[in-house]
Each structure stands twice: as structure tokens, then as C-alpha cells.
Amino acid sequence: AASASAKVHWVVPANNGAAISNFVITPYVGSTAETPVHVPAGATGSATDPTPGAADSFTVTGLTNGTAYTFKVAAINAVGTGPNSAASNSVTPVKATSRTTITSITSDPVVGQPVVIGVQVAGPTTAVGSLTPTGQVTVTDGARICEATLSGSNGTATGTCSITEDAASSYAITASYPGDANFNSSST
């Protein structure tokens, strides 16, 4: 399991004389079947030439974090849909870790002028299409607070906000991300 997804592995069954064209993966919550996922043979993550006895796998997305799932797989060919496999072991998708960093602070700030603070929140992977943190990061100097709205893609989001200091001093800046549906909280 991963955040909102699970990778399902199976062994390709005998095709009974007709080439396998698709697989159907059905997620279950308890004994309740959820929306099946149809995977064309040769789809990214699935076998290009499903040979009986070969291992195959596919990542099912759109799952609910914190919910336990099992999966059944069936093969489809010109004859029809074969029987479902036995249920898989149970897996529970969980939120991914996030990493919050302060990326910039206005250099040589002037009392009474805004200090612009840049933040970044990254997930565990930054591959194209990776889930990306959403929401806001709360930035504080211990007395004043600003909110940086995140935007980004491919596992990394950034934002900026500003705090106006009213006295010359040293300030400890903290950036806190509360998490979202796919990512845990983090701070720096």
C-alpha cells in the first residue's frame, strides 16, 4: 500500500486458447466490492504479453487512506471473464510523509517592511505525476503569523507569505504544514 493506492500482484492464469486482452481488479472493503478497475493487457504497469504463469502487477489508485482493502483479479479474453482469484492479503493505504523547508527569507530586512518567506513542501517522490501536497503552510516568528498557499506539481509545492517585524531583533521562524488527504504533517 501507498498513499491512496496499492500495488496488486498476481499470476497470469491459463487463457484456455484465447489470448488475454484485459484484467479486472476489484477492490473490496470487507465483503463489499468497490468499483472495479479494468487494465488492458499491455497497459503501463501490466504485462505486454500476458503469458500464463507469469507474474503481473498494477497500481490501483483512488483508494481511501486509512481503509483496509483486499483485491481479486480476473482475466478477460474473447471467451469472457474468467473466475476471480482468491482475495489478496489486506492492505491499508496511508498518508505519505511530507518534508517542509524554508527556502528563502528576505535578505537585509528593514523594520516595518514585509519580510517575504518562501516555503516548500515535498512528498517522498518527485516523479512526474506524483501526488503533490496541497493547502497552506503556517509561518510564524513566535508572535506574528502568515499563511503561504501551496501550488506545484510532481510531488513538490511551494508558496510565500510575509511578516512585518515591528522591532529590530533576532526571530526564530517556524513553518508548519498540517497535512492533507494524502500527506502527513511536517514542520521546520
N, C-alpha and C. Protein backbone atom coordinates (compact mmCIF):
# COMPACT_ATOMS: atom_id res chain seq x y z
N ALA A 1 0.84 -1.20 0.00
CA ALA A 1 0.00 0.00 0.00
C ALA A 1 0.87 1.24 0.00
N ALA A 2 0.34 2.32 -0.55
CA ALA A 2 0.98 3.64 -0.53
C ALA A 2 -0.13 4.65 -0.26
N SER A 3 0.14 5.91 -0.43
CA SER A 3 -0.90 6.90 -0.19
C SER A 3 -1.97 6.82 -1.27
N ALA A 4 -3.21 6.52 -0.84
CA ALA A 4 -4.39 6.43 -1.71
C ALA A 4 -4.24 5.41 -2.84
N SER A 5 -3.33 4.45 -2.67
CA SER A 5 -3.13 3.45 -3.72
C SER A 5 -2.57 2.16 -3.14
N ALA A 6 -2.59 1.12 -3.97
CA ALA A 6 -1.98 -0.16 -3.60
C ALA A 6 -1.55 -0.86 -4.88
N LYS A 7 -0.39 -1.47 -4.84
CA LYS A 7 0.10 -2.25 -5.99
C LYS A 7 -0.36 -3.69 -5.80
N VAL A 8 -1.10 -4.18 -6.80
CA VAL A 8 -1.67 -5.53 -6.76
C VAL A 8 -0.83 -6.44 -7.65
N HIS A 9 -0.42 -7.58 -7.12
CA HIS A 9 0.38 -8.56 -7.87
C HIS A 9 -0.45 -9.83 -8.06
N TRP A 10 -0.31 -10.48 -9.22
CA TRP A 10 -1.00 -11.73 -9.47
C TRP A 10 -0.21 -12.56 -10.48
N VAL A 11 -0.59 -13.83 -10.59
CA VAL A 11 -0.01 -14.74 -11.57
C VAL A 11 -1.04 -14.87 -12.70
N VAL A 12 -0.59 -14.70 -13.93
CA VAL A 12 -1.48 -14.76 -15.10
C VAL A 12 -2.02 -16.19 -15.23
N PRO A 13 -3.36 -16.32 -15.30
CA PRO A 13 -3.95 -17.66 -15.39
C PRO A 13 -3.85 -18.22 -16.81
N ALA A 14 -4.21 -19.49 -16.95
CA ALA A 14 -4.29 -20.10 -18.28
C ALA A 14 -5.34 -19.36 -19.09
N ASN A 15 -5.11 -19.22 -20.40
CA ASN A 15 -6.04 -18.45 -21.23
C ASN A 15 -7.08 -19.33 -21.93
N ASN A 16 -7.00 -20.62 -21.79
CA ASN A 16 -7.95 -21.57 -22.39
C ASN A 16 -8.11 -21.37 -23.90
N GLY A 17 -7.00 -21.03 -24.58
CA GLY A 17 -6.98 -20.97 -26.03
C GLY A 17 -7.24 -19.61 -26.65
N ALA A 18 -7.63 -18.62 -25.87
CA ALA A 18 -7.86 -17.27 -26.41
C ALA A 18 -6.99 -16.29 -25.62
N ALA A 19 -6.24 -15.47 -26.32
CA ALA A 19 -5.32 -14.55 -25.66
C ALA A 19 -6.05 -13.63 -24.68
N ILE A 20 -5.41 -13.37 -23.57
CA ILE A 20 -5.97 -12.47 -22.57
C ILE A 20 -5.85 -11.03 -23.08
N SER A 21 -6.98 -10.31 -23.07
CA SER A 21 -6.98 -8.93 -23.56
C SER A 21 -7.02 -7.92 -22.42
N ASN A 22 -7.61 -8.30 -21.28
CA ASN A 22 -7.75 -7.39 -20.14
C ASN A 22 -7.71 -8.17 -18.84
N PHE A 23 -7.47 -7.42 -17.77
CA PHE A 23 -7.65 -7.93 -16.42
C PHE A 23 -8.65 -7.00 -15.74
N VAL A 24 -9.39 -7.51 -14.80
CA VAL A 24 -10.26 -6.66 -13.99
C VAL A 24 -9.85 -6.89 -12.54
N ILE A 25 -9.52 -5.78 -11.87
CA ILE A 25 -9.12 -5.83 -10.46
C ILE A 25 -10.27 -5.22 -9.66
N THR A 26 -10.79 -5.98 -8.71
CA THR A 26 -11.89 -5.47 -7.89
C THR A 26 -11.41 -5.29 -6.46
N PRO A 27 -11.40 -4.01 -5.99
CA PRO A 27 -11.08 -3.76 -4.59
C PRO A 27 -12.29 -4.11 -3.71
N TYR A 28 -12.03 -4.61 -2.52
CA TYR A 28 -13.09 -4.91 -1.56
C TYR A 28 -12.78 -4.22 -0.24
N VAL A 29 -13.83 -3.64 0.36
CA VAL A 29 -13.76 -3.14 1.73
C VAL A 29 -14.64 -4.10 2.51
N GLY A 30 -14.02 -4.93 3.33
CA GLY A 30 -14.76 -6.02 3.95
C GLY A 30 -15.25 -6.94 2.86
N SER A 31 -16.55 -7.24 2.85
CA SER A 31 -17.11 -8.09 1.79
C SER A 31 -17.79 -7.28 0.70
N THR A 32 -17.67 -5.95 0.76
CA THR A 32 -18.32 -5.08 -0.23
C THR A 32 -17.37 -4.76 -1.38
N ALA A 33 -17.80 -5.11 -2.59
CA ALA A 33 -17.00 -4.82 -3.79
C ALA A 33 -17.07 -3.33 -4.10
N GLU A 34 -15.94 -2.74 -4.39
CA GLU A 34 -15.85 -1.34 -4.81
C GLU A 34 -15.80 -1.31 -6.34
N THR A 35 -15.61 -0.15 -6.91
CA THR A 35 -15.58 -0.01 -8.37
C THR A 35 -14.41 -0.78 -8.96
N PRO A 36 -14.68 -1.71 -9.89
CA PRO A 36 -13.59 -2.49 -10.50
C PRO A 36 -12.72 -1.61 -11.41
N VAL A 37 -11.48 -2.02 -11.55
CA VAL A 37 -10.52 -1.32 -12.40
C VAL A 37 -10.18 -2.27 -13.56
N HIS A 38 -10.43 -1.82 -14.80
CA HIS A 38 -10.11 -2.63 -15.97
C HIS A 38 -8.73 -2.23 -16.48
N VAL A 39 -7.88 -3.21 -16.63
CA VAL A 39 -6.49 -2.98 -17.04
C VAL A 39 -6.26 -3.72 -18.36
N PRO A 40 -6.11 -2.99 -19.47
CA PRO A 40 -5.80 -3.67 -20.73
C PRO A 40 -4.45 -4.39 -20.64
N ALA A 41 -4.37 -5.59 -21.16
CA ALA A 41 -3.09 -6.27 -21.22
C ALA A 41 -2.15 -5.38 -22.02
N GLY A 42 -0.99 -5.11 -21.49
CA GLY A 42 -0.05 -4.23 -22.16
C GLY A 42 -0.10 -2.80 -21.63
N ALA A 43 -1.03 -2.51 -20.71
CA ALA A 43 -1.08 -1.16 -20.13
C ALA A 43 0.16 -0.94 -19.27
N THR A 44 0.53 0.31 -19.08
CA THR A 44 1.67 0.62 -18.22
C THR A 44 1.46 -0.03 -16.87
N GLY A 45 2.42 -0.79 -16.43
CA GLY A 45 2.32 -1.48 -15.15
C GLY A 45 1.75 -2.88 -15.27
N SER A 46 1.31 -3.28 -16.45
CA SER A 46 0.77 -4.61 -16.66
C SER A 46 1.58 -5.29 -17.77
N ALA A 47 1.47 -6.60 -17.85
CA ALA A 47 2.26 -7.36 -18.83
C ALA A 47 1.90 -6.96 -20.26
N THR A 48 2.91 -6.89 -21.13
CA THR A 48 2.64 -6.57 -22.54
C THR A 48 2.23 -7.83 -23.29
N ASP A 49 2.65 -8.96 -22.85
CA ASP A 49 2.27 -10.23 -23.46
C ASP A 49 1.97 -11.20 -22.32
N PRO A 50 0.73 -11.16 -21.80
CA PRO A 50 0.44 -11.95 -20.61
C PRO A 50 0.57 -13.45 -20.87
N THR A 51 1.66 -14.01 -20.40
CA THR A 51 1.94 -15.43 -20.56
C THR A 51 1.44 -16.16 -19.31
N PRO A 52 0.62 -17.19 -19.48
CA PRO A 52 0.15 -17.93 -18.31
C PRO A 52 1.31 -18.35 -17.42
N GLY A 53 1.13 -18.15 -16.12
CA GLY A 53 2.16 -18.48 -15.15
C GLY A 53 3.11 -17.33 -14.85
N ALA A 54 3.09 -16.28 -15.68
CA ALA A 54 3.98 -15.13 -15.46
C ALA A 54 3.39 -14.23 -14.36
N ALA A 55 4.28 -13.53 -13.67
CA ALA A 55 3.84 -12.58 -12.66
C ALA A 55 3.42 -11.28 -13.32
N ASP A 56 2.43 -10.61 -12.78
CA ASP A 56 1.97 -9.34 -13.30
C ASP A 56 1.58 -8.46 -12.13
N SER A 57 1.45 -7.16 -12.36
CA SER A 57 1.06 -6.25 -11.29
C SER A 57 0.50 -4.97 -11.88
N PHE A 58 -0.23 -4.24 -11.05
CA PHE A 58 -0.79 -2.95 -11.45
C PHE A 58 -1.09 -2.15 -10.19
N THR A 59 -0.87 -0.84 -10.23
CA THR A 59 -1.15 0.02 -9.08
C THR A 59 -2.55 0.58 -9.21
N VAL A 60 -3.39 0.25 -8.24
CA VAL A 60 -4.76 0.75 -8.18
C VAL A 60 -4.74 2.06 -7.40
N THR A 61 -5.28 3.11 -7.98
CA THR A 61 -5.29 4.43 -7.33
C THR A 61 -6.71 4.80 -6.92
N GLY A 62 -6.85 5.94 -6.26
CA GLY A 62 -8.16 6.43 -5.87
C GLY A 62 -8.72 5.76 -4.63
N LEU A 63 -7.86 5.09 -3.86
CA LEU A 63 -8.31 4.43 -2.64
C LEU A 63 -8.35 5.44 -1.48
N THR A 64 -9.04 5.09 -0.42
CA THR A 64 -9.16 5.97 0.74
C THR A 64 -8.11 5.60 1.77
N ASN A 65 -7.26 6.55 2.14
CA ASN A 65 -6.27 6.31 3.18
C ASN A 65 -6.96 5.92 4.48
N GLY A 66 -6.36 4.96 5.19
CA GLY A 66 -6.90 4.51 6.47
C GLY A 66 -7.96 3.44 6.35
N THR A 67 -8.32 3.04 5.13
CA THR A 67 -9.34 2.00 4.91
C THR A 67 -8.63 0.72 4.45
N ALA A 68 -8.98 -0.41 5.06
CA ALA A 68 -8.37 -1.69 4.69
C ALA A 68 -9.04 -2.24 3.43
N TYR A 69 -8.23 -2.73 2.50
CA TYR A 69 -8.72 -3.28 1.23
C TYR A 69 -8.13 -4.66 1.00
N THR A 70 -8.92 -5.50 0.31
CA THR A 70 -8.40 -6.72 -0.32
C THR A 70 -8.74 -6.58 -1.81
N PHE A 71 -8.13 -7.42 -2.63
CA PHE A 71 -8.33 -7.32 -4.08
C PHE A 71 -8.51 -8.71 -4.67
N LYS A 72 -9.34 -8.78 -5.72
CA LYS A 72 -9.49 -10.00 -6.50
C LYS A 72 -9.23 -9.62 -7.96
N VAL A 73 -8.60 -10.52 -8.71
CA VAL A 73 -8.26 -10.26 -10.11
C VAL A 73 -8.87 -11.36 -10.98
N ALA A 74 -9.40 -10.94 -12.13
CA ALA A 74 -9.91 -11.90 -13.12
C ALA A 74 -9.35 -11.52 -14.49
N ALA A 75 -9.15 -12.51 -15.33
CA ALA A 75 -8.67 -12.28 -16.70
C ALA A 75 -9.86 -12.27 -17.66
N ILE A 76 -9.70 -11.46 -18.72
CA ILE A 76 -10.76 -11.37 -19.74
C ILE A 76 -10.14 -11.70 -21.10
N ASN A 77 -10.83 -12.56 -21.86
CA ASN A 77 -10.42 -12.84 -23.24
C ASN A 77 -11.67 -12.92 -24.11
N ALA A 78 -11.54 -13.35 -25.33
CA ALA A 78 -12.68 -13.39 -26.26
C ALA A 78 -13.81 -14.29 -25.76
N VAL A 79 -13.48 -15.25 -24.91
CA VAL A 79 -14.49 -16.17 -24.38
C VAL A 79 -15.31 -15.50 -23.29
N GLY A 80 -14.70 -14.55 -22.58
CA GLY A 80 -15.41 -13.85 -21.49
C GLY A 80 -14.49 -13.59 -20.32
N THR A 81 -15.09 -13.32 -19.18
CA THR A 81 -14.34 -13.04 -17.96
C THR A 81 -14.19 -14.33 -17.17
N GLY A 82 -12.95 -14.62 -16.80
CA GLY A 82 -12.68 -15.81 -16.02
C GLY A 82 -13.08 -15.61 -14.56
N PRO A 83 -12.87 -16.63 -13.75
CA PRO A 83 -13.22 -16.52 -12.33
C PRO A 83 -12.26 -15.57 -11.60
N ASN A 84 -12.75 -14.99 -10.52
CA ASN A 84 -11.90 -14.15 -9.68
C ASN A 84 -10.85 -15.00 -8.98
N SER A 85 -9.71 -14.39 -8.74
CA SER A 85 -8.69 -15.03 -7.92
C SER A 85 -9.19 -15.06 -6.48
N ALA A 86 -8.46 -15.73 -5.63
CA ALA A 86 -8.72 -15.64 -4.19
C ALA A 86 -8.42 -14.20 -3.77
N ALA A 87 -8.99 -13.77 -2.67
CA ALA A 87 -8.73 -12.41 -2.17
C ALA A 87 -7.27 -12.28 -1.76
N SER A 88 -6.73 -11.12 -2.01
CA SER A 88 -5.34 -10.82 -1.60
C SER A 88 -5.29 -10.65 -0.09
N ASN A 89 -4.08 -10.48 0.42
CA ASN A 89 -3.96 -10.09 1.81
C ASN A 89 -4.51 -8.67 1.95
N SER A 90 -4.87 -8.28 3.15
CA SER A 90 -5.43 -6.96 3.40
C SER A 90 -4.32 -5.92 3.50
N VAL A 91 -4.53 -4.78 2.84
CA VAL A 91 -3.58 -3.66 2.93
C VAL A 91 -4.37 -2.39 3.22
N THR A 92 -3.71 -1.46 3.90
CA THR A 92 -4.34 -0.19 4.25
C THR A 92 -3.49 0.95 3.73
N PRO A 93 -3.96 1.68 2.71
CA PRO A 93 -3.21 2.85 2.24
C PRO A 93 -3.08 3.88 3.38
N VAL A 94 -1.94 4.53 3.42
CA VAL A 94 -1.67 5.53 4.46
C VAL A 94 -1.14 6.80 3.81
N LYS A 95 -1.28 7.88 4.55
CA LYS A 95 -0.75 9.15 4.07
C LYS A 95 0.76 9.06 3.91
N ALA A 96 1.27 9.75 2.92
CA ALA A 96 2.72 9.79 2.68
C ALA A 96 3.37 10.82 3.60
N THR A 97 4.65 10.65 3.82
CA THR A 97 5.38 11.63 4.61
C THR A 97 5.58 12.90 3.78
N SER A 98 5.67 14.01 4.47
CA SER A 98 5.98 15.27 3.80
C SER A 98 7.20 15.88 4.48
N ARG A 99 7.86 16.76 3.76
CA ARG A 99 9.05 17.45 4.29
C ARG A 99 8.87 18.94 4.01
N THR A 100 8.80 19.73 5.07
CA THR A 100 8.63 21.18 4.93
C THR A 100 9.97 21.86 5.13
N THR A 101 10.29 22.79 4.23
CA THR A 101 11.52 23.56 4.36
C THR A 101 11.23 25.03 4.10
N ILE A 102 12.02 25.89 4.73
CA ILE A 102 12.00 27.31 4.42
C ILE A 102 13.04 27.51 3.34
N THR A 103 12.62 28.00 2.20
CA THR A 103 13.52 28.10 1.05
C THR A 103 14.15 29.48 0.90
N SER A 104 13.50 30.51 1.45
CA SER A 104 14.06 31.86 1.33
C SER A 104 13.45 32.79 2.38
N ILE A 105 14.23 33.79 2.76
CA ILE A 105 13.78 34.87 3.63
C ILE A 105 14.41 36.14 3.08
N THR A 106 13.63 37.22 3.04
CA THR A 106 14.15 38.49 2.54
C THR A 106 15.49 38.79 3.21
N SER A 107 16.52 39.04 2.40
CA SER A 107 17.83 39.38 2.98
C SER A 107 17.82 40.85 3.38
N ASP A 108 18.56 41.18 4.42
CA ASP A 108 18.64 42.54 4.94
C ASP A 108 17.27 43.17 5.15
N PRO A 109 16.43 42.54 5.99
CA PRO A 109 15.08 43.09 6.22
C PRO A 109 15.15 44.44 6.93
N VAL A 110 14.13 45.25 6.69
CA VAL A 110 14.02 46.58 7.30
C VAL A 110 12.82 46.58 8.22
N VAL A 111 13.00 47.10 9.46
CA VAL A 111 11.91 47.17 10.42
C VAL A 111 10.75 47.93 9.80
N GLY A 112 9.55 47.37 9.95
CA GLY A 112 8.35 47.99 9.40
C GLY A 112 8.07 47.62 7.95
N GLN A 113 8.97 46.88 7.31
CA GLN A 113 8.78 46.44 5.93
C GLN A 113 8.52 44.92 5.92
N PRO A 114 7.71 44.43 4.99
CA PRO A 114 7.42 42.99 4.95
C PRO A 114 8.69 42.15 4.71
N VAL A 115 8.77 41.08 5.44
CA VAL A 115 9.81 40.08 5.25
C VAL A 115 9.12 38.92 4.51
N VAL A 116 9.54 38.65 3.29
CA VAL A 116 8.93 37.59 2.48
C VAL A 116 9.63 36.27 2.78
N ILE A 117 8.82 35.27 3.10
CA ILE A 117 9.35 33.96 3.47
C ILE A 117 8.84 32.94 2.46
N GLY A 118 9.75 32.21 1.83
CA GLY A 118 9.39 31.16 0.87
C GLY A 118 9.44 29.81 1.55
N VAL A 119 8.45 28.97 1.26
CA VAL A 119 8.39 27.62 1.84
C VAL A 119 8.19 26.59 0.73
N GLN A 120 8.57 25.37 1.04
CA GLN A 120 8.36 24.25 0.12
C GLN A 120 7.93 23.04 0.93
N VAL A 121 6.97 22.30 0.40
CA VAL A 121 6.57 21.02 0.98
C VAL A 121 6.72 19.98 -0.11
N ALA A 122 7.47 18.92 0.19
CA ALA A 122 7.71 17.86 -0.79
C ALA A 122 7.26 16.51 -0.23
N GLY A 123 6.73 15.69 -1.11
CA GLY A 123 6.39 14.33 -0.75
C GLY A 123 7.61 13.44 -0.88
N PRO A 124 7.45 12.14 -0.67
CA PRO A 124 8.59 11.22 -0.73
C PRO A 124 9.12 10.99 -2.13
N THR A 125 8.33 11.31 -3.16
CA THR A 125 8.79 11.13 -4.53
C THR A 125 8.41 12.34 -5.36
N THR A 126 9.28 12.69 -6.28
CA THR A 126 9.02 13.84 -7.15
C THR A 126 8.96 13.41 -8.62
N ALA A 127 8.57 12.17 -8.86
CA ALA A 127 8.42 11.68 -10.23
C ALA A 127 7.23 12.36 -10.90
N VAL A 128 7.27 12.45 -12.20
CA VAL A 128 6.16 13.05 -12.95
C VAL A 128 4.86 12.34 -12.57
N GLY A 129 3.85 13.11 -12.24
CA GLY A 129 2.56 12.55 -11.88
C GLY A 129 2.40 12.19 -10.41
N SER A 130 3.45 12.39 -9.60
CA SER A 130 3.36 12.07 -8.17
C SER A 130 2.33 12.96 -7.50
N LEU A 131 1.69 12.42 -6.45
CA LEU A 131 0.78 13.23 -5.65
C LEU A 131 1.54 14.43 -5.10
N THR A 132 0.87 15.58 -5.03
CA THR A 132 1.51 16.83 -4.61
C THR A 132 0.79 17.39 -3.39
N PRO A 133 1.55 17.81 -2.35
CA PRO A 133 0.92 18.42 -1.18
C PRO A 133 0.08 19.63 -1.56
N THR A 134 -1.04 19.81 -0.87
CA THR A 134 -1.94 20.93 -1.11
C THR A 134 -2.24 21.64 0.20
N GLY A 135 -2.82 22.81 0.11
CA GLY A 135 -3.23 23.54 1.31
C GLY A 135 -2.32 24.71 1.60
N GLN A 136 -2.09 24.96 2.89
CA GLN A 136 -1.30 26.10 3.31
C GLN A 136 -0.27 25.69 4.36
N VAL A 137 0.80 26.49 4.41
CA VAL A 137 1.82 26.35 5.45
C VAL A 137 1.68 27.58 6.35
N THR A 138 1.64 27.35 7.65
CA THR A 138 1.60 28.45 8.61
C THR A 138 3.02 28.80 9.00
N VAL A 139 3.38 30.07 8.83
CA VAL A 139 4.71 30.55 9.16
C VAL A 139 4.56 31.52 10.33
N THR A 140 5.41 31.37 11.35
CA THR A 140 5.33 32.26 12.50
C THR A 140 6.72 32.62 13.00
N ASP A 141 6.82 33.80 13.61
CA ASP A 141 8.06 34.20 14.27
C ASP A 141 7.89 34.12 15.78
N GLY A 142 6.83 33.49 16.23
CA GLY A 142 6.52 33.37 17.64
C GLY A 142 5.46 34.36 18.08
N ALA A 143 5.28 35.45 17.35
CA ALA A 143 4.27 36.44 17.68
C ALA A 143 3.35 36.72 16.49
N ARG A 144 3.91 36.79 15.31
CA ARG A 144 3.14 37.08 14.10
C ARG A 144 3.03 35.82 13.24
N ILE A 145 1.95 35.75 12.48
CA ILE A 145 1.67 34.56 11.66
C ILE A 145 1.30 35.00 10.25
N CYS A 146 1.73 34.22 9.27
CA CYS A 146 1.24 34.38 7.91
C CYS A 146 0.99 32.99 7.33
N GLU A 147 0.17 32.93 6.29
CA GLU A 147 -0.18 31.66 5.63
C GLU A 147 0.33 31.68 4.20
N ALA A 148 1.10 30.66 3.85
CA ALA A 148 1.60 30.52 2.48
C ALA A 148 0.76 29.46 1.78
N THR A 149 0.04 29.86 0.74
CA THR A 149 -0.78 28.92 -0.04
C THR A 149 0.13 28.17 -1.01
N LEU A 150 0.00 26.84 -1.00
CA LEU A 150 0.87 25.99 -1.81
C LEU A 150 0.34 25.79 -3.22
N SER A 151 1.25 25.73 -4.17
CA SER A 151 0.92 25.30 -5.53
C SER A 151 2.15 24.58 -6.08
N GLY A 152 1.92 23.64 -6.96
CA GLY A 152 3.02 22.89 -7.55
C GLY A 152 2.54 21.66 -8.25
N SER A 153 3.46 20.77 -8.54
CA SER A 153 3.14 19.52 -9.23
C SER A 153 4.26 18.52 -8.99
N ASN A 154 4.01 17.29 -9.37
CA ASN A 154 5.01 16.22 -9.32
C ASN A 154 5.66 16.07 -7.95
N GLY A 155 4.84 16.13 -6.90
CA GLY A 155 5.33 15.85 -5.55
C GLY A 155 5.91 17.02 -4.78
N THR A 156 5.99 18.21 -5.39
CA THR A 156 6.58 19.37 -4.71
C THR A 156 5.69 20.59 -4.87
N ALA A 157 5.43 21.30 -3.76
CA ALA A 157 4.62 22.52 -3.80
C ALA A 157 5.35 23.63 -3.05
N THR A 158 5.19 24.85 -3.52
CA THR A 158 5.84 26.00 -2.90
C THR A 158 4.83 27.11 -2.66
N GLY A 159 5.22 28.06 -1.82
CA GLY A 159 4.38 29.22 -1.55
C GLY A 159 5.19 30.28 -0.83
N THR A 160 4.65 31.48 -0.73
CA THR A 160 5.30 32.57 0.00
C THR A 160 4.25 33.32 0.82
N CYS A 161 4.71 33.96 1.87
CA CYS A 161 3.89 34.88 2.65
C CYS A 161 4.84 35.87 3.30
N SER A 162 4.29 36.89 3.95
CA SER A 162 5.17 37.90 4.54
C SER A 162 4.73 38.27 5.95
N ILE A 163 5.72 38.60 6.75
CA ILE A 163 5.53 39.07 8.13
C ILE A 163 6.25 40.41 8.24
N THR A 164 5.59 41.38 8.84
CA THR A 164 6.22 42.68 9.05
C THR A 164 6.67 42.76 10.51
N GLU A 165 7.99 42.85 10.72
CA GLU A 165 8.55 42.93 12.07
C GLU A 165 8.50 44.38 12.53
N ASP A 166 8.11 44.58 13.79
CA ASP A 166 7.99 45.94 14.31
C ASP A 166 9.15 46.35 15.20
N ALA A 167 10.14 45.47 15.34
CA ALA A 167 11.32 45.83 16.13
C ALA A 167 12.52 45.08 15.60
N ALA A 168 13.69 45.72 15.67
CA ALA A 168 14.93 45.05 15.25
C ALA A 168 15.29 44.02 16.30
N SER A 169 15.43 42.77 15.90
CA SER A 169 15.73 41.69 16.82
C SER A 169 16.03 40.43 16.01
N SER A 170 16.38 39.37 16.70
CA SER A 170 16.52 38.06 16.06
C SER A 170 15.21 37.32 16.25
N TYR A 171 14.74 36.66 15.21
CA TYR A 171 13.48 35.93 15.26
C TYR A 171 13.69 34.50 14.80
N ALA A 172 13.06 33.57 15.49
CA ALA A 172 13.08 32.17 15.08
C ALA A 172 11.84 31.94 14.22
N ILE A 173 12.03 31.60 12.98
CA ILE A 173 10.92 31.39 12.05
C ILE A 173 10.59 29.89 12.01
N THR A 174 9.31 29.57 12.14
CA THR A 174 8.84 28.19 12.08
C THR A 174 7.80 28.08 10.97
N ALA A 175 7.92 27.06 10.15
CA ALA A 175 6.95 26.77 9.10
C ALA A 175 6.32 25.42 9.39
N SER A 176 4.99 25.37 9.47
CA SER A 176 4.27 24.14 9.80
C SER A 176 3.22 23.82 8.75
N TYR A 177 3.28 22.59 8.24
CA TYR A 177 2.31 22.10 7.27
C TYR A 177 1.39 21.12 7.99
N PRO A 178 0.05 21.36 7.97
CA PRO A 178 -0.86 20.50 8.72
C PRO A 178 -1.16 19.17 8.04
N GLY A 179 -0.71 18.98 6.81
CA GLY A 179 -1.02 17.78 6.05
C GLY A 179 -2.30 17.96 5.26
N ASP A 180 -2.62 16.98 4.44
CA ASP A 180 -3.86 16.98 3.66
C ASP A 180 -4.33 15.54 3.53
N ALA A 181 -5.21 15.27 2.61
CA ALA A 181 -5.76 13.92 2.48
C ALA A 181 -4.71 12.88 2.14
N ASN A 182 -3.60 13.29 1.50
CA ASN A 182 -2.58 12.33 1.07
C ASN A 182 -1.26 12.42 1.80
N PHE A 183 -1.05 13.49 2.58
CA PHE A 183 0.26 13.71 3.20
C PHE A 183 0.12 14.00 4.69
N ASN A 184 1.06 13.48 5.47
CA ASN A 184 1.13 13.77 6.90
C ASN A 184 1.67 15.18 7.11
N SER A 185 1.54 15.67 8.33
CA SER A 185 2.04 16.99 8.69
C SER A 185 3.57 16.97 8.82
N SER A 186 4.16 18.16 8.71
CA SER A 186 5.60 18.31 8.94
C SER A 186 5.88 19.77 9.25
N SER A 187 7.04 20.01 9.84
CA SER A 187 7.40 21.40 10.14
C SER A 187 8.91 21.54 10.17
N THR A 188 9.34 22.80 10.15
CA THR A 188 10.76 23.09 10.23
C THR A 188 10.96 24.41 10.93
